[in-house]
Amino acid sequence: MSEALPPTAPACEPTEAGLQWLIGGIAPISLGDRLRLRAAAPLEPVRPQRPCDIGLFDLNARAQLDLFTKLPPGAPGG
């Protein structure tokens, strides 16, 4: 029969948030890891973007009538 290993106290480290337990086989996240993650993340705008309401992308202009419209026969002015 194999002998059971005596339990060892888990490692811990003090942080700003308090005492943090370290799990065996898992390395803590370092500052370099955090910086690499931030550098690889897509850019986000500082403030909300305004819609592009000019030219092809102007959705309100699509609701306007044409300047020259062919009137059906019998319509006033046609």
PDB file of N, CA and C in Angstrom:
ATOM      1  N   MET A   1       0.829  -1.172   0.000  1.00  0.00           N
ATOM      2  CA  MET A   1       0.000   0.000   0.000  1.00  0.00           C
ATOM      3  C   MET A   1       0.873   1.235   0.000  1.00  0.00           C
ATOM      4  N   SER A   2       0.462   2.217  -0.762  1.00  0.00           N
ATOM      5  CA  SER A   2       1.269   3.435  -0.800  1.00  0.00           C
ATOM      6  C   SER A   2       0.871   4.359   0.340  1.00  0.00           C
ATOM      7  N   GLU A   3       1.835   5.072   0.801  1.00  0.00           N
ATOM      8  CA  GLU A   3       1.565   6.011   1.894  1.00  0.00           C
ATOM      9  C   GLU A   3       0.978   7.293   1.338  1.00  0.00           C
ATOM     10  N   ALA A   4       0.035   7.857   2.022  1.00  0.00           N
ATOM     11  CA  ALA A   4      -0.561   9.128   1.615  1.00  0.00           C
ATOM     12  C   ALA A   4       0.421  10.251   1.920  1.00  0.00           C
ATOM     13  N   LEU A   5       0.522  11.174   0.981  1.00  0.00           N
ATOM     14  CA  LEU A   5       1.412  12.317   1.200  1.00  0.00           C
ATOM     15  C   LEU A   5       0.783  13.255   2.217  1.00  0.00           C
ATOM     16  N   PRO A   6       1.593  13.808   3.089  1.00  0.00           N
ATOM     17  CA  PRO A   6       1.029  14.737   4.075  1.00  0.00           C
ATOM     18  C   PRO A   6       0.542  16.005   3.379  1.00  0.00           C
ATOM     19  N   PRO A   7      -0.572  16.553   3.816  1.00  0.00           N
ATOM     20  CA  PRO A   7      -1.072  17.780   3.178  1.00  0.00           C
ATOM     21  C   PRO A   7      -0.108  18.938   3.417  1.00  0.00           C
ATOM     22  N   THR A   8       0.095  19.707   2.405  1.00  0.00           N
ATOM     23  CA  THR A   8       0.977  20.869   2.528  1.00  0.00           C
ATOM     24  C   THR A   8       0.115  22.120   2.521  1.00  0.00           C
ATOM     25  N   ALA A   9       0.615  23.111   3.153  1.00  0.00           N
ATOM     26  CA  ALA A   9      -0.120  24.376   3.207  1.00  0.00           C
ATOM     27  C   ALA A   9      -0.056  25.035   1.834  1.00  0.00           C
ATOM     28  N   PRO A  10      -1.194  25.472   1.298  1.00  0.00           N
ATOM     29  CA  PRO A  10      -1.172  26.126  -0.015  1.00  0.00           C
ATOM     30  C   PRO A  10      -0.408  27.447   0.050  1.00  0.00           C
ATOM     31  N   ALA A  11       0.259  27.756  -1.030  1.00  0.00           N
ATOM     32  CA  ALA A  11       1.026  29.005  -1.082  1.00  0.00           C
ATOM     33  C   ALA A  11       0.063  30.179  -1.231  1.00  0.00           C
ATOM     34  N   CYS A  12       0.451  31.281  -0.696  1.00  0.00           N
ATOM     35  CA  CYS A  12      -0.374  32.478  -0.830  1.00  0.00           C
ATOM     36  C   CYS A  12       0.552  33.692  -0.961  1.00  0.00           C
ATOM     37  N   GLU A  13      -0.011  34.760  -1.509  1.00  0.00           N
ATOM     38  CA  GLU A  13       0.762  35.995  -1.669  1.00  0.00           C
ATOM     39  C   GLU A  13      -0.126  37.185  -1.304  1.00  0.00           C
ATOM     40  N   PRO A  14       0.447  38.182  -0.654  1.00  0.00           N
ATOM     41  CA  PRO A  14      -0.341  39.371  -0.323  1.00  0.00           C
ATOM     42  C   PRO A  14      -0.481  40.276  -1.557  1.00  0.00           C
ATOM     43  N   THR A  15      -1.678  40.790  -1.784  1.00  0.00           N
ATOM     44  CA  THR A  15      -1.934  41.719  -2.875  1.00  0.00           C
ATOM     45  C   THR A  15      -2.705  42.912  -2.325  1.00  0.00           C
ATOM     46  N   GLU A  16      -2.995  43.873  -3.191  1.00  0.00           N
ATOM     47  CA  GLU A  16      -3.763  45.048  -2.769  1.00  0.00           C
ATOM     48  C   GLU A  16      -5.177  44.659  -2.349  1.00  0.00           C
ATOM     49  N   ALA A  17      -5.713  43.584  -2.968  1.00  0.00           N
ATOM     50  CA  ALA A  17      -7.070  43.143  -2.665  1.00  0.00           C
ATOM     51  C   ALA A  17      -7.112  42.274  -1.407  1.00  0.00           C
ATOM     52  N   GLY A  18      -5.971  41.861  -0.911  1.00  0.00           N
ATOM     53  CA  GLY A  18      -5.921  40.995   0.258  1.00  0.00           C
ATOM     54  C   GLY A  18      -5.052  39.786  -0.027  1.00  0.00           C
ATOM     55  N   LEU A  19      -5.135  38.795   0.837  1.00  0.00           N
ATOM     56  CA  LEU A  19      -4.337  37.591   0.696  1.00  0.00           C
ATOM     57  C   LEU A  19      -4.925  36.704  -0.393  1.00  0.00           C
ATOM     58  N   GLN A  20      -4.122  36.305  -1.383  1.00  0.00           N
ATOM     59  CA  GLN A  20      -4.573  35.494  -2.504  1.00  0.00           C
ATOM     60  C   GLN A  20      -3.915  34.124  -2.439  1.00  0.00           C
ATOM     61  N   TRP A  21      -4.712  33.063  -2.570  1.00  0.00           N
ATOM     62  CA  TRP A  21      -4.189  31.700  -2.572  1.00  0.00           C
ATOM     63  C   TRP A  21      -3.686  31.362  -3.960  1.00  0.00           C
ATOM     64  N   LEU A  22      -2.558  30.687  -4.024  1.00  0.00           N
ATOM     65  CA  LEU A  22      -1.991  30.249  -5.296  1.00  0.00           C
ATOM     66  C   LEU A  22      -2.296  28.771  -5.480  1.00  0.00           C
ATOM     67  N   ILE A  23      -2.737  28.410  -6.685  1.00  0.00           N
ATOM     68  CA  ILE A  23      -3.064  27.029  -6.999  1.00  0.00           C
ATOM     69  C   ILE A  23      -1.844  26.389  -7.644  1.00  0.00           C
ATOM     70  N   GLY A  24      -1.517  25.184  -7.231  1.00  0.00           N
ATOM     71  CA  GLY A  24      -0.353  24.479  -7.759  1.00  0.00           C
ATOM     72  C   GLY A  24      -0.463  24.238  -9.252  1.00  0.00           C
ATOM     73  N   GLY A  25       0.607  24.505 -10.006  1.00  0.00           N
ATOM     74  CA  GLY A  25       0.630  24.284 -11.439  1.00  0.00           C
ATOM     75  C   GLY A  25       0.092  25.440 -12.253  1.00  0.00           C
ATOM     76  N   ILE A  26      -0.427  26.455 -11.618  1.00  0.00           N
ATOM     77  CA  ILE A  26      -0.950  27.624 -12.328  1.00  0.00           C
ATOM     78  C   ILE A  26      -0.137  28.836 -11.909  1.00  0.00           C
ATOM     79  N   ALA A  27       0.488  29.481 -12.890  1.00  0.00           N
ATOM     80  CA  ALA A  27       1.320  30.645 -12.593  1.00  0.00           C
ATOM     81  C   ALA A  27       0.433  31.877 -12.425  1.00  0.00           C
ATOM     82  N   PRO A  28       0.764  32.754 -11.490  1.00  0.00           N
ATOM     83  CA  PRO A  28      -0.014  33.980 -11.346  1.00  0.00           C
ATOM     84  C   PRO A  28       0.143  34.877 -12.574  1.00  0.00           C
ATOM     85  N   ILE A  29      -0.843  35.697 -12.847  1.00  0.00           N
ATOM     86  CA  ILE A  29      -0.798  36.602 -13.995  1.00  0.00           C
ATOM     87  C   ILE A  29       0.166  37.738 -13.674  1.00  0.00           C
ATOM     88  N   SER A  30       1.150  37.902 -14.534  1.00  0.00           N
ATOM     89  CA  SER A  30       2.161  38.935 -14.296  1.00  0.00           C
ATOM     90  C   SER A  30       1.766  40.234 -15.003  1.00  0.00           C
ATOM     91  N   LEU A  31       2.478  41.290 -14.696  1.00  0.00           N
ATOM     92  CA  LEU A  31       2.236  42.578 -15.339  1.00  0.00           C
ATOM     93  C   LEU A  31       2.483  42.478 -16.841  1.00  0.00           C
ATOM     94  N   GLY A  32       3.504  41.734 -17.245  1.00  0.00           N
ATOM     95  CA  GLY A  32       3.794  41.539 -18.667  1.00  0.00           C
ATOM     96  C   GLY A  32       2.633  40.845 -19.385  1.00  0.00           C
ATOM     97  N   ASP A  33       2.021  39.839 -18.720  1.00  0.00           N
ATOM     98  CA  ASP A  33       0.862  39.159 -19.303  1.00  0.00           C
ATOM     99  C   ASP A  33      -0.292  40.134 -19.507  1.00  0.00           C
ATOM    100  N   ARG A  34      -0.533  40.958 -18.518  1.00  0.00           N
ATOM    101  CA  ARG A  34      -1.627  41.947 -18.619  1.00  0.00           C
ATOM    102  C   ARG A  34      -1.365  42.949 -19.744  1.00  0.00           C
ATOM    103  N   LEU A  35      -0.121  43.400 -19.871  1.00  0.00           N
ATOM    104  CA  LEU A  35       0.214  44.372 -20.913  1.00  0.00           C
ATOM    105  C   LEU A  35       0.101  43.755 -22.304  1.00  0.00           C
ATOM    106  N   ARG A  36       0.506  42.498 -22.467  1.00  0.00           N
ATOM    107  CA  ARG A  36       0.365  41.819 -23.759  1.00  0.00           C
ATOM    108  C   ARG A  36      -1.107  41.667 -24.138  1.00  0.00           C
ATOM    109  N   LEU A  37      -1.944  41.358 -23.164  1.00  0.00           N
ATOM    110  CA  LEU A  37      -3.372  41.236 -23.418  1.00  0.00           C
ATOM    111  C   LEU A  37      -3.971  42.567 -23.867  1.00  0.00           C
ATOM    112  N   ARG A  38      -3.590  43.666 -23.186  1.00  0.00           N
ATOM    113  CA  ARG A  38      -4.099  44.996 -23.555  1.00  0.00           C
ATOM    114  C   ARG A  38      -3.609  45.415 -24.935  1.00  0.00           C
ATOM    115  N   ALA A  39      -2.356  45.072 -25.282  1.00  0.00           N
ATOM    116  CA  ALA A  39      -1.806  45.446 -26.582  1.00  0.00           C
ATOM    117  C   ALA A  39      -2.477  44.665 -27.713  1.00  0.00           C
ATOM    118  N   ALA A  40      -2.907  43.442 -27.455  1.00  0.00           N
ATOM    119  CA  ALA A  40      -3.535  42.618 -28.477  1.00  0.00           C
ATOM    120  C   ALA A  40      -5.035  42.906 -28.620  1.00  0.00           C
ATOM    121  N   ALA A  41      -5.613  43.619 -27.670  1.00  0.00           N
ATOM    122  CA  ALA A  41      -7.053  43.898 -27.711  1.00  0.00           C
ATOM    123  C   ALA A  41      -7.355  44.921 -28.810  1.00  0.00           C
ATOM    124  N   PRO A  42      -8.546  44.837 -29.414  1.00  0.00           N
ATOM    125  CA  PRO A  42      -8.906  45.825 -30.437  1.00  0.00           C
ATOM    126  C   PRO A  42      -9.082  47.215 -29.819  1.00  0.00           C
ATOM    127  N   LEU A  43      -8.830  48.237 -30.626  1.00  0.00           N
ATOM    128  CA  LEU A  43      -8.969  49.605 -30.140  1.00  0.00           C
ATOM    129  C   LEU A  43     -10.439  49.940 -29.924  1.00  0.00           C
ATOM    130  N   GLU A  44     -10.706  50.717 -28.907  1.00  0.00           N
ATOM    131  CA  GLU A  44     -12.064  51.153 -28.607  1.00  0.00           C
ATOM    132  C   GLU A  44     -12.083  52.677 -28.616  1.00  0.00           C
ATOM    133  N   PRO A  45     -13.194  53.284 -29.059  1.00  0.00           N
ATOM    134  CA  PRO A  45     -13.255  54.738 -29.087  1.00  0.00           C
ATOM    135  C   PRO A  45     -13.308  55.321 -27.673  1.00  0.00           C
ATOM    136  N   VAL A  46     -12.783  56.526 -27.536  1.00  0.00           N
ATOM    137  CA  VAL A  46     -12.791  57.199 -26.237  1.00  0.00           C
ATOM    138  C   VAL A  46     -14.205  57.662 -25.904  1.00  0.00           C
ATOM    139  N   ARG A  47     -14.926  58.153 -26.902  1.00  0.00           N
ATOM    140  CA  ARG A  47     -16.317  58.579 -26.702  1.00  0.00           C
ATOM    141  C   ARG A  47     -17.162  57.965 -27.815  1.00  0.00           C
ATOM    142  N   PRO A  48     -18.477  57.920 -27.642  1.00  0.00           N
ATOM    143  CA  PRO A  48     -19.327  57.270 -28.652  1.00  0.00           C
ATOM    144  C   PRO A  48     -19.180  57.915 -30.024  1.00  0.00           C
ATOM    145  N   GLN A  49     -19.223  57.080 -31.054  1.00  0.00           N
ATOM    146  CA  GLN A  49     -19.085  57.552 -32.422  1.00  0.00           C
ATOM    147  C   GLN A  49     -20.398  58.143 -32.922  1.00  0.00           C
ATOM    148  N   ARG A  50     -20.306  59.215 -33.696  1.00  0.00           N
ATOM    149  CA  ARG A  50     -21.480  59.791 -34.336  1.00  0.00           C
ATOM    150  C   ARG A  50     -21.730  59.047 -35.633  1.00  0.00           C
ATOM    151  N   PRO A  51     -22.996  58.880 -36.005  1.00  0.00           N
ATOM    152  CA  PRO A  51     -23.268  58.182 -37.261  1.00  0.00           C
ATOM    153  C   PRO A  51     -22.813  58.991 -38.467  1.00  0.00           C
ATOM    154  N   CYS A  52     -22.476  58.319 -39.529  1.00  0.00           N
ATOM    155  CA  CYS A  52     -22.061  58.966 -40.767  1.00  0.00           C
ATOM    156  C   CYS A  52     -23.312  59.277 -41.585  1.00  0.00           C
ATOM    157  N   ASP A  53     -23.849  60.484 -41.451  1.00  0.00           N
ATOM    158  CA  ASP A  53     -25.092  60.874 -42.114  1.00  0.00           C
ATOM    159  C   ASP A  53     -24.831  61.733 -43.348  1.00  0.00           C
ATOM    160  N   ILE A  54     -23.919  61.301 -44.187  1.00  0.00           N
ATOM    161  CA  ILE A  54     -23.664  62.047 -45.415  1.00  0.00           C
ATOM    162  C   ILE A  54     -23.589  61.066 -46.578  1.00  0.00           C
ATOM    163  N   GLY A  55     -24.009  61.513 -47.734  1.00  0.00           N
ATOM    164  CA  GLY A  55     -23.852  60.731 -48.960  1.00  0.00           C
ATOM    165  C   GLY A  55     -24.543  59.391 -48.924  1.00  0.00           C
ATOM    166  N   LEU A  56     -23.821  58.360 -49.250  1.00  0.00           N
ATOM    167  CA  LEU A  56     -24.347  57.010 -49.377  1.00  0.00           C
ATOM    168  C   LEU A  56     -24.902  56.467 -48.059  1.00  0.00           C
ATOM    169  N   PHE A  57     -24.361  56.905 -46.931  1.00  0.00           N
ATOM    170  CA  PHE A  57     -24.742  56.364 -45.632  1.00  0.00           C
ATOM    171  C   PHE A  57     -25.852  57.151 -44.951  1.00  0.00           C
ATOM    172  N   ASP A  58     -26.386  58.174 -45.598  1.00  0.00           N
ATOM    173  CA  ASP A  58     -27.423  59.025 -45.008  1.00  0.00           C
ATOM    174  C   ASP A  58     -28.774  58.336 -45.137  1.00  0.00           C
ATOM    175  N   LEU A  59     -29.245  57.746 -44.055  1.00  0.00           N
ATOM    176  CA  LEU A  59     -30.515  57.023 -44.080  1.00  0.00           C
ATOM    177  C   LEU A  59     -31.708  57.964 -44.168  1.00  0.00           C
ATOM    178  N   ASN A  60     -31.605  59.175 -43.647  1.00  0.00           N
ATOM    179  CA  ASN A  60     -32.720  60.119 -43.717  1.00  0.00           C
ATOM    180  C   ASN A  60     -32.929  60.630 -45.139  1.00  0.00           C
ATOM    181  N   ALA A  61     -31.891  60.712 -45.932  1.00  0.00           N
ATOM    182  CA  ALA A  61     -32.023  61.192 -47.307  1.00  0.00           C
ATOM    183  C   ALA A  61     -32.780  60.196 -48.172  1.00  0.00           C
ATOM    184  N   ARG A  62     -32.782  58.932 -47.799  1.00  0.00           N
ATOM    185  CA  ARG A  62     -33.489  57.924 -48.583  1.00  0.00           C
ATOM    186  C   ARG A  62     -35.003  58.103 -48.501  1.00  0.00           C
ATOM    187  N   ALA A  63     -35.484  58.781 -47.474  1.00  0.00           N
ATOM    188  CA  ALA A  63     -36.921  58.978 -47.305  1.00  0.00           C
ATOM    189  C   ALA A  63     -37.412  60.209 -48.074  1.00  0.00           C
ATOM    190  N   GLN A  64     -36.523  60.977 -48.676  1.00  0.00           N
ATOM    191  CA  GLN A  64     -36.930  62.181 -49.400  1.00  0.00           C
ATOM    192  C   GLN A  64     -37.481  61.805 -50.775  1.00  0.00           C
ATOM    193  N   LEU A  65     -38.301  62.703 -51.292  1.00  0.00           N
ATOM    194  CA  LEU A  65     -38.838  62.515 -52.633  1.00  0.00           C
ATOM    195  C   LEU A  65     -37.799  62.964 -53.657  1.00  0.00           C
ATOM    196  N   ASP A  66     -37.924  62.446 -54.862  1.00  0.00           N
ATOM    197  CA  ASP A  66     -37.032  62.880 -55.935  1.00  0.00           C
ATOM    198  C   ASP A  66     -37.372  64.309 -56.334  1.00  0.00           C
ATOM    199  N   LEU A  67     -36.391  65.026 -56.820  1.00  0.00           N
ATOM    200  CA  LEU A  67     -36.613  66.395 -57.254  1.00  0.00           C
ATOM    201  C   LEU A  67     -37.524  66.425 -58.483  1.00  0.00           C
ATOM    202  N   PHE A  68     -37.301  65.551 -59.401  1.00  0.00           N
ATOM    203  CA  PHE A  68     -38.133  65.457 -60.597  1.00  0.00           C
ATOM    204  C   PHE A  68     -38.833  64.103 -60.585  1.00  0.00           C
ATOM    205  N   THR A  69     -40.105  64.125 -60.355  1.00  0.00           N
ATOM    206  CA  THR A  69     -40.881  62.898 -60.300  1.00  0.00           C
ATOM    207  C   THR A  69     -41.860  62.878 -61.471  1.00  0.00           C
ATOM    208  N   LYS A  70     -41.893  61.797 -62.150  1.00  0.00           N
ATOM    209  CA  LYS A  70     -42.845  61.647 -63.245  1.00  0.00           C
ATOM    210  C   LYS A  70     -44.237  61.422 -62.646  1.00  0.00           C
ATOM    211  N   LEU A  71     -45.137  62.350 -62.916  1.00  0.00           N
ATOM    212  CA  LEU A  71     -46.472  62.237 -62.377  1.00  0.00           C
ATOM    213  C   LEU A  71     -47.308  61.303 -63.263  1.00  0.00           C
ATOM    214  N   PRO A  72     -48.202  60.552 -62.649  1.00  0.00           N
ATOM    215  CA  PRO A  72     -49.069  59.691 -63.445  1.00  0.00           C
ATOM    216  C   PRO A  72     -50.022  60.528 -64.306  1.00  0.00           C
ATOM    217  N   PRO A  73     -50.459  60.010 -65.435  1.00  0.00           N
ATOM    218  CA  PRO A  73     -51.380  60.766 -66.279  1.00  0.00           C
ATOM    219  C   PRO A  73     -52.670  61.085 -65.525  1.00  0.00           C
ATOM    220  N   GLY A  74     -53.162  62.279 -65.705  1.00  0.00           N
ATOM    221  CA  GLY A  74     -54.384  62.723 -65.062  1.00  0.00           C
ATOM    222  C   GLY A  74     -54.149  63.370 -63.714  1.00  0.00           C
ATOM    223  N   ALA A  75     -52.924  63.372 -63.235  1.00  0.00           N
ATOM    224  CA  ALA A  75     -52.644  64.024 -61.950  1.00  0.00           C
ATOM    225  C   ALA A  75     -52.559  65.516 -62.198  1.00  0.00           C
ATOM    226  N   PRO A  76     -52.915  66.335 -61.208  1.00  0.00           N
ATOM    227  CA  PRO A  76     -52.833  67.794 -61.397  1.00  0.00           C
ATOM    228  C   PRO A  76     -51.375  68.195 -61.664  1.00  0.00           C
ATOM    229  N   GLY A  77     -51.180  68.987 -62.698  1.00  0.00           N
ATOM    230  CA  GLY A  77     -49.838  69.450 -63.060  1.00  0.00           C
ATOM    231  C   GLY A  77     -49.146  68.453 -63.973  1.00  0.00           C
ATOM    232  N   GLY A  78     -49.799  67.369 -64.379  1.00  0.00           N
ATOM    233  CA  GLY A  78     -49.149  66.346 -65.159  1.00  0.00           C
ATOM    234  C   GLY A  78     -49.686  66.171 -66.482  1.00  0.00           C
TER     235      GLY A  78
END
